[in-house]
C-alpha atoms as a PDB file:
ATOM      1  CA  UNK A   1       0.489  82.292 -46.626  1.00  0.00           C
ATOM      2  CA  UNK A   2      -2.025  81.323 -49.567  1.00  0.00           C
ATOM      3  CA  UNK A   3      -0.584  80.390 -52.997  1.00  0.00           C
ATOM      4  CA  UNK A   4      -1.381  82.665 -55.697  1.00  0.00           C
ATOM      5  CA  UNK A   5      -3.552  81.166 -58.603  1.00  0.00           C
ATOM      6  CA  UNK A   6      -1.947  79.225 -61.403  1.00  0.00           C
ATOM      7  CA  UNK A   7      -2.975  80.461 -64.934  1.00  0.00           C
ATOM      8  CA  UNK A   8      -2.681  78.023 -67.418  1.00  0.00           C
ATOM      9  CA  UNK A   9      -2.860  79.317 -71.220  1.00  0.00           C
ATOM     10  CA  UNK A  10      -3.846  76.779 -73.846  1.00  0.00           C
ATOM     11  CA  UNK A  11      -2.859  77.678 -77.496  1.00  0.00           C
ATOM     12  CA  UNK A  12      -4.854  78.220 -80.553  1.00  0.00           C
ATOM     13  CA  UNK A  13      -7.308  75.361 -81.344  1.00  0.00           C
ATOM     14  CA  UNK A  14      -6.771  73.944 -77.775  1.00  0.00           C
ATOM     15  CA  UNK A  15      -8.950  73.886 -74.572  1.00  0.00           C
ATOM     16  CA  UNK A  16      -8.335  73.081 -71.113  1.00  0.00           C
ATOM     17  CA  UNK A  17      -8.110  69.395 -71.653  1.00  0.00           C
ATOM     18  CA  UNK A  18      -4.445  70.042 -73.015  1.00  0.00           C
ATOM     19  CA  UNK A  19      -3.863  71.275 -69.762  1.00  0.00           C
ATOM     20  CA  UNK A  20      -5.468  68.279 -67.814  1.00  0.00           C
ATOM     21  CA  UNK A  21      -2.029  66.726 -66.519  1.00  0.00           C
ATOM     22  CA  UNK A  22      -1.135  70.144 -64.952  1.00  0.00           C
ATOM     23  CA  UNK A  23      -4.577  70.696 -63.598  1.00  0.00           C
ATOM     24  CA  UNK A  24      -4.501  67.269 -61.822  1.00  0.00           C
ATOM     25  CA  UNK A  25      -1.065  67.802 -60.484  1.00  0.00           C
ATOM     26  CA  UNK A  26      -1.737  71.323 -58.920  1.00  0.00           C
ATOM     27  CA  UNK A  27      -5.571  71.396 -58.183  1.00  0.00           C
ATOM     28  CA  UNK A  28      -5.235  70.443 -54.611  1.00  0.00           C
ATOM     29  CA  UNK A  29      -2.570  73.144 -53.766  1.00  0.00           C
ATOM     30  CA  UNK A  30      -3.633  76.173 -56.058  1.00  0.00           C
ATOM     31  CA  UNK A  31      -6.602  77.776 -57.699  1.00  0.00           C
ATOM     32  CA  UNK A  32      -6.365  76.707 -61.527  1.00  0.00           C
ATOM     33  CA  UNK A  33      -7.322  79.421 -64.086  1.00  0.00           C
ATOM     34  CA  UNK A  34      -7.751  78.351 -67.586  1.00  0.00           C
ATOM     35  CA  UNK A  35      -9.256  80.891 -69.910  1.00  0.00           C
ATOM     36  CA  UNK A  36     -11.754  79.656 -72.647  1.00  0.00           C
ATOM     37  CA  UNK A  37      -9.861  80.818 -75.957  1.00  0.00           C
ATOM     38  CA  UNK A  38     -12.376  79.185 -78.363  1.00  0.00           C
ATOM     39  CA  UNK A  39     -12.884  81.358 -81.530  1.00  0.00           C
ATOM     40  CA  UNK A  40      -9.718  83.442 -80.954  1.00  0.00           C
ATOM     41  CA  UNK A  41      -7.597  83.497 -84.179  1.00  0.00           C
ATOM     42  CA  UNK A  42      -4.488  85.126 -82.937  1.00  0.00           C
ATOM     43  CA  UNK A  43      -1.828  85.061 -79.905  1.00  0.00           C
ATOM     44  CA  UNK A  44      -2.411  88.831 -79.940  1.00  0.00           C
ATOM     45  CA  UNK A  45      -5.933  88.871 -79.363  1.00  0.00           C
ATOM     46  CA  UNK A  46      -5.572  86.031 -76.662  1.00  0.00           C
ATOM     47  CA  UNK A  47      -3.113  87.967 -74.745  1.00  0.00           C
ATOM     48  CA  UNK A  48      -5.350  91.072 -75.008  1.00  0.00           C
ATOM     49  CA  UNK A  49      -8.327  89.035 -73.449  1.00  0.00           C
ATOM     50  CA  UNK A  50      -6.220  87.588 -70.807  1.00  0.00           C
ATOM     51  CA  UNK A  51      -4.745  91.151 -69.876  1.00  0.00           C
ATOM     52  CA  UNK A  52      -7.920  92.960 -69.835  1.00  0.00           C
ATOM     53  CA  UNK A  53     -10.140  90.030 -68.580  1.00  0.00           C
ATOM     54  CA  UNK A  54     -12.464  90.653 -71.635  1.00  0.00           C
ATOM     55  CA  UNK A  55     -14.234  87.680 -73.657  1.00  0.00           C
ATOM     56  CA  UNK A  56     -14.000  87.581 -77.265  1.00  0.00           C
ATOM     57  CA  UNK A  57     -17.283  86.702 -79.296  1.00  0.00           C
ATOM     58  CA  UNK A  58     -17.389  85.995 -83.034  1.00  0.00           C
ATOM     59  CA  UNK A  59     -20.506  85.825 -85.337  1.00  0.00           C
ATOM     60  CA  UNK A  60     -20.662  82.258 -84.381  1.00  0.00           C
ATOM     61  CA  UNK A  61     -20.833  83.075 -80.693  1.00  0.00           C
ATOM     62  CA  UNK A  62     -22.876  86.468 -80.122  1.00  0.00           C
ATOM     63  CA  UNK A  63     -24.749  87.413 -77.048  1.00  0.00           C
ATOM     64  CA  UNK A  64     -28.149  85.771 -76.925  1.00  0.00           C
ATOM     65  CA  UNK A  65     -30.592  87.421 -79.161  1.00  0.00           C
ATOM     66  CA  UNK A  66     -28.110  89.268 -81.166  1.00  0.00           C
ATOM     67  CA  UNK A  67     -26.981  86.975 -83.754  1.00  0.00           C
ATOM     68  CA  UNK A  68     -27.427  86.958 -87.513  1.00  0.00           C
ATOM     69  CA  UNK A  69     -30.687  84.982 -87.223  1.00  0.00           C
ATOM     70  CA  UNK A  70     -32.283  87.807 -85.156  1.00  0.00           C
ATOM     71  CA  UNK A  71     -33.805  90.741 -87.060  1.00  0.00           C
ATOM     72  CA  UNK A  72     -32.612  94.212 -85.701  1.00  0.00           C
ATOM     73  CA  UNK A  73     -35.025  95.792 -83.491  1.00  0.00           C
END
Protein backbone atom coordinates (compact mmCIF):
# COMPACT_ATOMS: atom_id res chain seq x y z
CA UNK A 1 0.00 0.00 0.00
CA UNK A 2 1.32 3.45 -0.92
CA UNK A 3 1.45 6.11 1.78
CA UNK A 4 -0.71 9.15 1.19
CA UNK A 5 1.00 12.51 0.56
CA UNK A 6 2.05 14.53 3.59
CA UNK A 7 0.66 18.08 3.47
CA UNK A 8 2.74 20.62 5.42
CA UNK A 9 1.25 24.09 5.88
CA UNK A 10 3.69 26.91 6.68
CA UNK A 11 2.19 29.89 8.51
CA UNK A 12 2.00 33.52 7.52
CA UNK A 13 5.37 35.04 6.54
CA UNK A 14 6.88 31.54 6.21
CA UNK A 15 7.90 29.35 3.30
CA UNK A 16 8.88 25.73 2.83
CA UNK A 17 12.20 26.33 4.63
CA UNK A 18 10.36 26.36 7.96
CA UNK A 19 9.37 22.75 7.18
CA UNK A 20 12.90 21.63 6.20
CA UNK A 21 13.37 19.23 9.16
CA UNK A 22 10.04 17.51 8.46
CA UNK A 23 10.74 17.34 4.73
CA UNK A 24 14.13 15.74 5.40
CA UNK A 25 12.59 13.23 7.81
CA UNK A 26 9.74 12.08 5.56
CA UNK A 27 10.79 12.68 1.93
CA UNK A 28 12.06 9.14 1.37
CA UNK A 29 8.80 7.56 2.51
CA UNK A 30 6.11 10.02 1.40
CA UNK A 31 5.33 12.61 -1.22
CA UNK A 32 5.66 16.00 0.53
CA UNK A 33 3.33 18.85 -0.46
CA UNK A 34 4.10 22.36 0.83
CA UNK A 35 1.89 25.10 -0.66
CA UNK A 36 3.42 28.49 -1.44
CA UNK A 37 1.48 31.02 0.65
CA UNK A 38 3.49 34.13 -0.26
CA UNK A 39 1.18 37.13 -0.42
CA UNK A 40 -1.59 35.72 1.74
CA UNK A 41 -2.74 38.00 4.51
CA UNK A 42 -5.04 35.71 6.49
CA UNK A 43 -5.32 32.11 7.59
CA UNK A 44 -8.84 32.02 6.09
CA UNK A 45 -7.44 32.82 2.63
CA UNK A 46 -4.74 30.19 3.09
CA UNK A 47 -7.31 27.58 4.15
CA UNK A 48 -9.57 28.38 1.19
CA UNK A 49 -6.67 28.08 -1.26
CA UNK A 50 -5.68 24.74 0.28
CA UNK A 51 -9.26 23.46 0.17
CA UNK A 52 -9.92 24.50 -3.43
CA UNK A 53 -6.42 24.17 -4.90
CA UNK A 54 -6.52 27.72 -6.25
CA UNK A 55 -3.63 30.12 -6.09
CA UNK A 56 -3.69 33.61 -4.68
CA UNK A 57 -2.33 36.60 -6.56
CA UNK A 58 -1.81 40.12 -5.33
CA UNK A 59 -1.16 43.26 -7.35
CA UNK A 60 2.51 42.51 -6.75
CA UNK A 61 2.17 39.06 -8.34
CA UNK A 62 -0.33 39.34 -11.24
CA UNK A 63 -0.39 37.03 -14.28
CA UNK A 64 2.24 37.95 -16.90
CA UNK A 65 1.19 40.96 -18.97
CA UNK A 66 -1.58 42.01 -16.60
CA UNK A 67 0.22 44.02 -13.92
CA UNK A 68 -0.13 47.72 -13.13
CA UNK A 69 2.66 48.55 -15.60
CA UNK A 70 0.68 47.18 -18.54
CA UNK A 71 -1.90 49.38 -20.21
CA UNK A 72 -5.38 47.94 -20.66
CA UNK A 73 -5.86 46.68 -24.21
